[in-house]
């Protein structure tokens, strides 16, 4: 959660994988402000899902449900970020 908020609020775009290695022409065509906002929102949601998963894990006293929730949160959020990043690539 902190990483997502930091990237957006402090404009730490260099921390976004692949952004630094993009050619200047592609970087100018990429809407980094919109993607950073999206990244922040996804990381915050992913953090909340992981916290809820940890609480469910403690409440039910089982590890498998927590592991499923953690992995689902990470894989779904990463897939969403990749898809959204591709959509924003040529929107400027």
PDB file of N, CA and C in Angstrom:
ATOM      1  N   UNK A   1       0.822  -1.183   0.000  1.00  0.00           N
ATOM      2  CA  UNK A   1       0.000   0.000   0.000  1.00  0.00           C
ATOM      3  C   UNK A   1       0.875   1.259   0.000  1.00  0.00           C
ATOM      4  N   UNK A   2       1.913   1.222   0.813  1.00  0.00           N
ATOM      5  CA  UNK A   2       2.808   2.375   0.930  1.00  0.00           C
ATOM      6  C   UNK A   2       3.537   2.625  -0.390  1.00  0.00           C
ATOM      7  N   UNK A   3       3.947   1.569  -1.055  1.00  0.00           N
ATOM      8  CA  UNK A   3       4.663   1.718  -2.326  1.00  0.00           C
ATOM      9  C   UNK A   3       3.763   2.371  -3.366  1.00  0.00           C
ATOM     10  N   UNK A   4       2.536   1.904  -3.486  1.00  0.00           N
ATOM     11  CA  UNK A   4       1.612   2.476  -4.462  1.00  0.00           C
ATOM     12  C   UNK A   4       1.331   3.938  -4.200  1.00  0.00           C
ATOM     13  N   UNK A   5       1.112   4.285  -2.943  1.00  0.00           N
ATOM     14  CA  UNK A   5       0.853   5.684  -2.590  1.00  0.00           C
ATOM     15  C   UNK A   5       2.096   6.530  -2.832  1.00  0.00           C
ATOM     16  N   UNK A   6       3.266   6.007  -2.495  1.00  0.00           N
ATOM     17  CA  UNK A   6       4.517   6.757  -2.681  1.00  0.00           C
ATOM     18  C   UNK A   6       4.798   7.043  -4.149  1.00  0.00           C
ATOM     19  N   UNK A   7       4.568   6.057  -5.001  1.00  0.00           N
ATOM     20  CA  UNK A   7       4.826   6.259  -6.433  1.00  0.00           C
ATOM     21  C   UNK A   7       3.973   7.391  -6.970  1.00  0.00           C
ATOM     22  N   UNK A   8       2.712   7.433  -6.590  1.00  0.00           N
ATOM     23  CA  UNK A   8       1.820   8.473  -7.093  1.00  0.00           C
ATOM     24  C   UNK A   8       2.108   9.833  -6.452  1.00  0.00           C
ATOM     25  N   UNK A   9       2.172   9.858  -5.131  1.00  0.00           N
ATOM     26  CA  UNK A   9       2.284  11.131  -4.429  1.00  0.00           C
ATOM     27  C   UNK A   9       3.643  11.804  -4.599  1.00  0.00           C
ATOM     28  N   UNK A  10       4.710  11.005  -4.656  1.00  0.00           N
ATOM     29  CA  UNK A  10       6.050  11.567  -4.759  1.00  0.00           C
ATOM     30  C   UNK A  10       6.630  11.459  -6.172  1.00  0.00           C
ATOM     31  N   UNK A  11       5.786  11.052  -7.120  1.00  0.00           N
ATOM     32  CA  UNK A  11       6.158  10.945  -8.532  1.00  0.00           C
ATOM     33  C   UNK A  11       7.418  10.091  -8.726  1.00  0.00           C
ATOM     34  N   UNK A  12       7.445   8.941  -8.092  1.00  0.00           N
ATOM     35  CA  UNK A  12       8.572   8.010  -8.202  1.00  0.00           C
ATOM     36  C   UNK A  12       8.361   7.066  -9.380  1.00  0.00           C
ATOM     37  N   UNK A  13       8.197   7.632 -10.553  1.00  0.00           N
ATOM     38  CA  UNK A  13       7.873   6.842 -11.736  1.00  0.00           C
ATOM     39  C   UNK A  13       8.998   5.898 -12.135  1.00  0.00           C
ATOM     40  N   UNK A  14      10.207   6.189 -11.712  1.00  0.00           N
ATOM     41  CA  UNK A  14      11.340   5.318 -12.008  1.00  0.00           C
ATOM     42  C   UNK A  14      11.206   3.954 -11.349  1.00  0.00           C
ATOM     43  N   UNK A  15      10.345   3.840 -10.345  1.00  0.00           N
ATOM     44  CA  UNK A  15      10.136   2.558  -9.674  1.00  0.00           C
ATOM     45  C   UNK A  15       9.196   1.636 -10.451  1.00  0.00           C
ATOM     46  N   UNK A  16       8.522   2.181 -11.458  1.00  0.00           N
ATOM     47  CA  UNK A  16       7.602   1.379 -12.256  1.00  0.00           C
ATOM     48  C   UNK A  16       8.414   0.589 -13.268  1.00  0.00           C
ATOM     49  N   UNK A  17       8.291  -0.715 -13.192  1.00  0.00           N
ATOM     50  CA  UNK A  17       9.079  -1.604 -14.060  1.00  0.00           C
ATOM     51  C   UNK A  17       8.810  -1.314 -15.527  1.00  0.00           C
ATOM     52  N   UNK A  18       9.859  -1.127 -16.273  1.00  0.00           N
ATOM     53  CA  UNK A  18       9.750  -0.928 -17.709  1.00  0.00           C
ATOM     54  C   UNK A  18       9.631   0.517 -18.142  1.00  0.00           C
ATOM     55  N   UNK A  19       9.265   1.403 -17.243  1.00  0.00           N
ATOM     56  CA  UNK A  19       9.082   2.801 -17.625  1.00  0.00           C
ATOM     57  C   UNK A  19      10.422   3.457 -17.958  1.00  0.00           C
ATOM     58  N   UNK A  20      11.447   3.186 -17.171  1.00  0.00           N
ATOM     59  CA  UNK A  20      12.766   3.775 -17.435  1.00  0.00           C
ATOM     60  C   UNK A  20      13.385   3.289 -18.727  1.00  0.00           C
ATOM     61  N   UNK A  21      13.081   2.060 -19.117  1.00  0.00           N
ATOM     62  CA  UNK A  21      13.710   1.489 -20.305  1.00  0.00           C
ATOM     63  C   UNK A  21      12.936   1.792 -21.585  1.00  0.00           C
ATOM     64  N   UNK A  22      11.786   2.424 -21.465  1.00  0.00           N
ATOM     65  CA  UNK A  22      11.014   2.804 -22.651  1.00  0.00           C
ATOM     66  C   UNK A  22      11.767   3.877 -23.426  1.00  0.00           C
ATOM     67  N   UNK A  23      11.722   3.794 -24.733  1.00  0.00           N
ATOM     68  CA  UNK A  23      12.275   4.907 -25.524  1.00  0.00           C
ATOM     69  C   UNK A  23      11.502   6.192 -25.225  1.00  0.00           C
ATOM     70  N   UNK A  24      12.152   7.327 -25.389  1.00  0.00           N
ATOM     71  CA  UNK A  24      11.543   8.611 -25.066  1.00  0.00           C
ATOM     72  C   UNK A  24      10.224   8.815 -25.800  1.00  0.00           C
ATOM     73  N   UNK A  25      10.161   8.399 -27.051  1.00  0.00           N
ATOM     74  CA  UNK A  25       8.935   8.557 -27.842  1.00  0.00           C
ATOM     75  C   UNK A  25       7.777   7.798 -27.193  1.00  0.00           C
ATOM     76  N   UNK A  26       8.027   6.580 -26.741  1.00  0.00           N
ATOM     77  CA  UNK A  26       6.982   5.791 -26.083  1.00  0.00           C
ATOM     78  C   UNK A  26       6.627   6.376 -24.721  1.00  0.00           C
ATOM     79  N   UNK A  27       7.639   6.873 -24.006  1.00  0.00           N
ATOM     80  CA  UNK A  27       7.381   7.474 -22.695  1.00  0.00           C
ATOM     81  C   UNK A  27       6.476   8.690 -22.821  1.00  0.00           C
ATOM     82  N   UNK A  28       6.684   9.468 -23.866  1.00  0.00           N
ATOM     83  CA  UNK A  28       5.847  10.646 -24.073  1.00  0.00           C
ATOM     84  C   UNK A  28       4.419  10.262 -24.464  1.00  0.00           C
ATOM     85  N   UNK A  29       4.268   9.116 -25.113  1.00  0.00           N
ATOM     86  CA  UNK A  29       2.937   8.661 -25.523  1.00  0.00           C
ATOM     87  C   UNK A  29       2.194   7.968 -24.375  1.00  0.00           C
ATOM     88  N   UNK A  30       2.912   7.607 -23.322  1.00  0.00           N
ATOM     89  CA  UNK A  30       2.322   6.878 -22.199  1.00  0.00           C
ATOM     90  C   UNK A  30       1.786   7.856 -21.158  1.00  0.00           C
ATOM     91  N   UNK A  31       0.548   7.673 -20.741  1.00  0.00           N
ATOM     92  CA  UNK A  31      -0.075   8.542 -19.740  1.00  0.00           C
ATOM     93  C   UNK A  31       0.341   8.072 -18.346  1.00  0.00           C
ATOM     94  N   UNK A  32       1.518   8.508 -17.902  1.00  0.00           N
ATOM     95  CA  UNK A  32       2.092   8.034 -16.646  1.00  0.00           C
ATOM     96  C   UNK A  32       1.297   8.519 -15.445  1.00  0.00           C
ATOM     97  N   UNK A  33       0.728   9.701 -15.498  1.00  0.00           N
ATOM     98  CA  UNK A  33      -0.069  10.214 -14.381  1.00  0.00           C
ATOM     99  C   UNK A  33      -1.284   9.326 -14.119  1.00  0.00           C
ATOM    100  N   UNK A  34      -1.973   8.973 -15.176  1.00  0.00           N
ATOM    101  CA  UNK A  34      -3.153   8.128 -15.037  1.00  0.00           C
ATOM    102  C   UNK A  34      -2.762   6.726 -14.567  1.00  0.00           C
ATOM    103  N   UNK A  35      -1.652   6.207 -15.104  1.00  0.00           N
ATOM    104  CA  UNK A  35      -1.209   4.876 -14.698  1.00  0.00           C
ATOM    105  C   UNK A  35      -0.753   4.876 -13.240  1.00  0.00           C
ATOM    106  N   UNK A  36      -0.075   5.940 -12.798  1.00  0.00           N
ATOM    107  CA  UNK A  36       0.372   6.023 -11.404  1.00  0.00           C
ATOM    108  C   UNK A  36      -0.832   6.066 -10.455  1.00  0.00           C
ATOM    109  N   UNK A  37      -1.874   6.771 -10.834  1.00  0.00           N
ATOM    110  CA  UNK A  37      -3.099   6.784 -10.025  1.00  0.00           C
ATOM    111  C   UNK A  37      -3.715   5.392  -9.978  1.00  0.00           C
ATOM    112  N   UNK A  38      -3.770   4.745 -11.126  1.00  0.00           N
ATOM    113  CA  UNK A  38      -4.309   3.384 -11.197  1.00  0.00           C
ATOM    114  C   UNK A  38      -3.451   2.429 -10.362  1.00  0.00           C
ATOM    115  N   UNK A  39      -2.147   2.571 -10.454  1.00  0.00           N
ATOM    116  CA  UNK A  39      -1.219   1.735  -9.689  1.00  0.00           C
ATOM    117  C   UNK A  39      -1.449   1.920  -8.189  1.00  0.00           C
ATOM    118  N   UNK A  40      -1.586   3.158  -7.773  1.00  0.00           N
ATOM    119  CA  UNK A  40      -1.852   3.448  -6.364  1.00  0.00           C
ATOM    120  C   UNK A  40      -3.139   2.767  -5.912  1.00  0.00           C
ATOM    121  N   UNK A  41      -4.201   2.910  -6.675  1.00  0.00           N
ATOM    122  CA  UNK A  41      -5.485   2.322  -6.300  1.00  0.00           C
ATOM    123  C   UNK A  41      -5.414   0.801  -6.230  1.00  0.00           C
ATOM    124  N   UNK A  42      -4.764   0.182  -7.194  1.00  0.00           N
ATOM    125  CA  UNK A  42      -4.657  -1.278  -7.212  1.00  0.00           C
ATOM    126  C   UNK A  42      -3.818  -1.768  -6.031  1.00  0.00           C
ATOM    127  N   UNK A  43      -2.726  -1.077  -5.725  1.00  0.00           N
ATOM    128  CA  UNK A  43      -1.893  -1.494  -4.595  1.00  0.00           C
ATOM    129  C   UNK A  43      -2.638  -1.346  -3.267  1.00  0.00           C
ATOM    130  N   UNK A  44      -3.427  -0.302  -3.119  1.00  0.00           N
ATOM    131  CA  UNK A  44      -4.202  -0.124  -1.894  1.00  0.00           C
ATOM    132  C   UNK A  44      -5.244  -1.228  -1.764  1.00  0.00           C
ATOM    133  N   UNK A  45      -5.949  -1.519  -2.844  1.00  0.00           N
ATOM    134  CA  UNK A  45      -6.944  -2.601  -2.808  1.00  0.00           C
ATOM    135  C   UNK A  45      -6.260  -3.930  -2.509  1.00  0.00           C
ATOM    136  N   UNK A  46      -5.127  -4.194  -3.158  1.00  0.00           N
ATOM    137  CA  UNK A  46      -4.403  -5.435  -2.923  1.00  0.00           C
ATOM    138  C   UNK A  46      -3.965  -5.528  -1.461  1.00  0.00           C
ATOM    139  N   UNK A  47      -3.536  -4.428  -0.883  1.00  0.00           N
ATOM    140  CA  UNK A  47      -3.150  -4.412   0.528  1.00  0.00           C
ATOM    141  C   UNK A  47      -4.321  -4.740   1.439  1.00  0.00           C
ATOM    142  N   UNK A  48      -5.486  -4.151   1.151  1.00  0.00           N
ATOM    143  CA  UNK A  48      -6.666  -4.442   1.956  1.00  0.00           C
ATOM    144  C   UNK A  48      -7.079  -5.903   1.826  1.00  0.00           C
ATOM    145  N   UNK A  49      -7.011  -6.440   0.625  1.00  0.00           N
ATOM    146  CA  UNK A  49      -7.373  -7.849   0.425  1.00  0.00           C
ATOM    147  C   UNK A  49      -6.423  -8.759   1.205  1.00  0.00           C
ATOM    148  N   UNK A  50      -5.148  -8.433   1.200  1.00  0.00           N
ATOM    149  CA  UNK A  50      -4.177  -9.240   1.940  1.00  0.00           C
ATOM    150  C   UNK A  50      -4.419  -9.128   3.450  1.00  0.00           C
ATOM    151  N   UNK A  51      -4.743  -7.935   3.932  1.00  0.00           N
ATOM    152  CA  UNK A  51      -5.061  -7.775   5.353  1.00  0.00           C
ATOM    153  C   UNK A  51      -6.312  -8.575   5.721  1.00  0.00           C
ATOM    154  N   UNK A  52      -7.337  -8.505   4.883  1.00  0.00           N
ATOM    155  CA  UNK A  52      -8.561  -9.287   5.124  1.00  0.00           C
ATOM    156  C   UNK A  52      -8.245 -10.775   5.094  1.00  0.00           C
ATOM    157  N   UNK A  53      -7.388 -11.192   4.162  1.00  0.00           N
ATOM    158  CA  UNK A  53      -6.978 -12.596   4.096  1.00  0.00           C
ATOM    159  C   UNK A  53      -6.263 -13.034   5.357  1.00  0.00           C
ATOM    160  N   UNK A  54      -5.418 -12.160   5.893  1.00  0.00           N
ATOM    161  CA  UNK A  54      -4.701 -12.485   7.133  1.00  0.00           C
ATOM    162  C   UNK A  54      -5.678 -12.614   8.297  1.00  0.00           C
ATOM    163  N   UNK A  55      -6.657 -11.713   8.346  1.00  0.00           N
ATOM    164  CA  UNK A  55      -7.658 -11.789   9.418  1.00  0.00           C
ATOM    165  C   UNK A  55      -8.507 -13.052   9.310  1.00  0.00           C
ATOM    166  N   UNK A  56      -8.894 -13.414   8.097  1.00  0.00           N
ATOM    167  CA  UNK A  56      -9.655 -14.656   7.895  1.00  0.00           C
ATOM    168  C   UNK A  56      -8.802 -15.855   8.269  1.00  0.00           C
ATOM    169  N   UNK A  57      -7.538 -15.796   7.903  1.00  0.00           N
ATOM    170  CA  UNK A  57      -6.594 -16.862   8.229  1.00  0.00           C
ATOM    171  C   UNK A  57      -6.501 -17.064   9.744  1.00  0.00           C
ATOM    172  N   UNK A  58      -6.408 -15.965  10.481  1.00  0.00           N
ATOM    173  CA  UNK A  58      -6.333 -16.037  11.942  1.00  0.00           C
ATOM    174  C   UNK A  58      -7.663 -16.523  12.517  1.00  0.00           C
ATOM    175  N   UNK A  59      -8.763 -15.995  11.988  1.00  0.00           N
ATOM    176  CA  UNK A  59     -10.098 -16.336  12.498  1.00  0.00           C
ATOM    177  C   UNK A  59     -10.408 -17.814  12.301  1.00  0.00           C
ATOM    178  N   UNK A  60     -10.103 -18.345  11.104  1.00  0.00           N
ATOM    179  CA  UNK A  60     -10.403 -19.747  10.821  1.00  0.00           C
ATOM    180  C   UNK A  60      -9.293 -20.697  11.258  1.00  0.00           C
ATOM    181  N   UNK A  61      -8.154 -20.143  11.636  1.00  0.00           N
ATOM    182  CA  UNK A  61      -7.008 -20.938  12.085  1.00  0.00           C
ATOM    183  C   UNK A  61      -6.594 -21.991  11.052  1.00  0.00           C
ATOM    184  N   UNK A  62      -6.525 -21.553   9.801  1.00  0.00           N
ATOM    185  CA  UNK A  62      -6.072 -22.425   8.726  1.00  0.00           C
ATOM    186  C   UNK A  62      -5.199 -21.624   7.780  1.00  0.00           C
ATOM    187  N   UNK A  63      -4.171 -22.250   7.245  1.00  0.00           N
ATOM    188  CA  UNK A  63      -3.246 -21.529   6.373  1.00  0.00           C
ATOM    189  C   UNK A  63      -3.671 -21.542   4.907  1.00  0.00           C
ATOM    190  N   UNK A  64      -4.354 -22.562   4.469  1.00  0.00           N
ATOM    191  CA  UNK A  64      -4.639 -22.723   3.033  1.00  0.00           C
ATOM    192  C   UNK A  64      -5.535 -21.600   2.498  1.00  0.00           C
ATOM    193  N   UNK A  65      -6.515 -21.179   3.263  1.00  0.00           N
ATOM    194  CA  UNK A  65      -7.401 -20.106   2.791  1.00  0.00           C
ATOM    195  C   UNK A  65      -6.624 -18.802   2.672  1.00  0.00           C
ATOM    196  N   UNK A  66      -5.760 -18.528   3.635  1.00  0.00           N
ATOM    197  CA  UNK A  66      -4.933 -17.324   3.567  1.00  0.00           C
ATOM    198  C   UNK A  66      -4.016 -17.330   2.362  1.00  0.00           C
ATOM    199  N   UNK A  67      -3.392 -18.471   2.097  1.00  0.00           N
ATOM    200  CA  UNK A  67      -2.505 -18.589   0.940  1.00  0.00           C
ATOM    201  C   UNK A  67      -3.269 -18.371  -0.359  1.00  0.00           C
ATOM    202  N   UNK A  68      -4.457 -18.947  -0.460  1.00  0.00           N
ATOM    203  CA  UNK A  68      -5.283 -18.772  -1.658  1.00  0.00           C
ATOM    204  C   UNK A  68      -5.655 -17.303  -1.840  1.00  0.00           C
ATOM    205  N   UNK A  69      -6.033 -16.636  -0.771  1.00  0.00           N
ATOM    206  CA  UNK A  69      -6.403 -15.216  -0.855  1.00  0.00           C
ATOM    207  C   UNK A  69      -5.191 -14.370  -1.243  1.00  0.00           C
ATOM    208  N   UNK A  70      -4.039 -14.621  -0.634  1.00  0.00           N
ATOM    209  CA  UNK A  70      -2.834 -13.848  -0.954  1.00  0.00           C
ATOM    210  C   UNK A  70      -2.452 -14.001  -2.421  1.00  0.00           C
ATOM    211  N   UNK A  71      -2.363 -15.244  -2.878  1.00  0.00           N
ATOM    212  CA  UNK A  71      -1.957 -15.489  -4.259  1.00  0.00           C
ATOM    213  C   UNK A  71      -2.971 -14.939  -5.253  1.00  0.00           C
ATOM    214  N   UNK A  72      -4.247 -15.092  -4.951  1.00  0.00           N
ATOM    215  CA  UNK A  72      -5.292 -14.557  -5.831  1.00  0.00           C
ATOM    216  C   UNK A  72      -5.175 -13.045  -5.926  1.00  0.00           C
ATOM    217  N   UNK A  73      -4.976 -12.386  -4.798  1.00  0.00           N
ATOM    218  CA  UNK A  73      -4.853 -10.929  -4.799  1.00  0.00           C
ATOM    219  C   UNK A  73      -3.674 -10.486  -5.656  1.00  0.00           C
ATOM    220  N   UNK A  74      -2.548 -11.129  -5.495  1.00  0.00           N
ATOM    221  CA  UNK A  74      -1.352 -10.738  -6.242  1.00  0.00           C
ATOM    222  C   UNK A  74      -1.528 -10.998  -7.735  1.00  0.00           C
ATOM    223  N   UNK A  75      -1.954 -12.202  -8.100  1.00  0.00           N
ATOM    224  CA  UNK A  75      -2.075 -12.533  -9.527  1.00  0.00           C
ATOM    225  C   UNK A  75      -3.143 -11.701 -10.230  1.00  0.00           C
ATOM    226  N   UNK A  76      -4.274 -11.516  -9.594  1.00  0.00           N
ATOM    227  CA  UNK A  76      -5.344 -10.728 -10.215  1.00  0.00           C
ATOM    228  C   UNK A  76      -4.909  -9.268 -10.367  1.00  0.00           C
ATOM    229  N   UNK A  77      -4.309  -8.709  -9.331  1.00  0.00           N
ATOM    230  CA  UNK A  77      -3.894  -7.306  -9.403  1.00  0.00           C
ATOM    231  C   UNK A  77      -2.782  -7.086 -10.423  1.00  0.00           C
ATOM    232  N   UNK A  78      -1.841  -7.987 -10.512  1.00  0.00           N
ATOM    233  CA  UNK A  78      -0.777  -7.858 -11.514  1.00  0.00           C
ATOM    234  C   UNK A  78      -1.360  -7.960 -12.919  1.00  0.00           C
ATOM    235  N   UNK A  79      -2.273  -8.875 -13.139  1.00  0.00           N
ATOM    236  CA  UNK A  79      -2.910  -9.002 -14.457  1.00  0.00           C
ATOM    237  C   UNK A  79      -3.669  -7.733 -14.819  1.00  0.00           C
ATOM    238  N   UNK A  80      -4.367  -7.164 -13.865  1.00  0.00           N
ATOM    239  CA  UNK A  80      -5.106  -5.924 -14.102  1.00  0.00           C
ATOM    240  C   UNK A  80      -4.150  -4.790 -14.436  1.00  0.00           C
ATOM    241  N   UNK A  81      -3.038  -4.689 -13.701  1.00  0.00           N
ATOM    242  CA  UNK A  81      -2.061  -3.627 -13.968  1.00  0.00           C
ATOM    243  C   UNK A  81      -1.453  -3.752 -15.358  1.00  0.00           C
ATOM    244  N   UNK A  82      -1.119  -4.961 -15.762  1.00  0.00           N
ATOM    245  CA  UNK A  82      -0.546  -5.167 -17.096  1.00  0.00           C
ATOM    246  C   UNK A  82      -1.549  -4.796 -18.177  1.00  0.00           C
ATOM    247  N   UNK A  83      -2.791  -5.238 -18.023  1.00  0.00           N
ATOM    248  CA  UNK A  83      -3.821  -4.943 -19.010  1.00  0.00           C
ATOM    249  C   UNK A  83      -4.068  -3.438 -19.112  1.00  0.00           C
ATOM    250  N   UNK A  84      -4.202  -2.783 -17.972  1.00  0.00           N
ATOM    251  CA  UNK A  84      -4.458  -1.341 -17.963  1.00  0.00           C
ATOM    252  C   UNK A  84      -3.258  -0.575 -18.523  1.00  0.00           C
ATOM    253  N   UNK A  85      -2.047  -1.031 -18.220  1.00  0.00           N
ATOM    254  CA  UNK A  85      -0.845  -0.379 -18.743  1.00  0.00           C
ATOM    255  C   UNK A  85      -0.802  -0.416 -20.263  1.00  0.00           C
ATOM    256  N   UNK A  86      -1.210  -1.524 -20.831  1.00  0.00           N
ATOM    257  CA  UNK A  86      -1.243  -1.636 -22.287  1.00  0.00           C
ATOM    258  C   UNK A  86      -2.299  -0.707 -22.893  1.00  0.00           C
ATOM    259  N   UNK A  87      -3.423  -0.542 -22.212  1.00  0.00           N
ATOM    260  CA  UNK A  87      -4.465   0.337 -22.721  1.00  0.00           C
ATOM    261  C   UNK A  87      -4.038   1.812 -22.670  1.00  0.00           C
ATOM    262  N   UNK A  88      -3.233   2.177 -21.692  1.00  0.00           N
ATOM    263  CA  UNK A  88      -2.806   3.573 -21.540  1.00  0.00           C
ATOM    264  C   UNK A  88      -1.604   3.907 -22.415  1.00  0.00           C
ATOM    265  N   UNK A  89      -1.015   2.931 -23.038  1.00  0.00           N
ATOM    266  CA  UNK A  89       0.237   3.124 -23.761  1.00  0.00           C
ATOM    267  C   UNK A  89       0.167   4.199 -24.842  1.00  0.00           C
ATOM    268  N   UNK A  90      -0.913   4.282 -25.567  1.00  0.00           N
ATOM    269  CA  UNK A  90      -1.007   5.223 -26.685  1.00  0.00           C
ATOM    270  C   UNK A  90      -2.127   6.237 -26.518  1.00  0.00           C
ATOM    271  N   UNK A  91      -2.429   6.635 -25.311  1.00  0.00           N
ATOM    272  CA  UNK A  91      -3.565   7.521 -25.085  1.00  0.00           C
ATOM    273  C   UNK A  91      -3.202   8.988 -24.940  1.00  0.00           C
ATOM    274  N   UNK A  92      -1.986   9.372 -25.180  1.00  0.00           N
ATOM    275  CA  UNK A  92      -1.625  10.775 -25.081  1.00  0.00           C
ATOM    276  C   UNK A  92      -1.486  11.408 -26.419  1.00  0.00           C
TER     277      UNK A  92
END
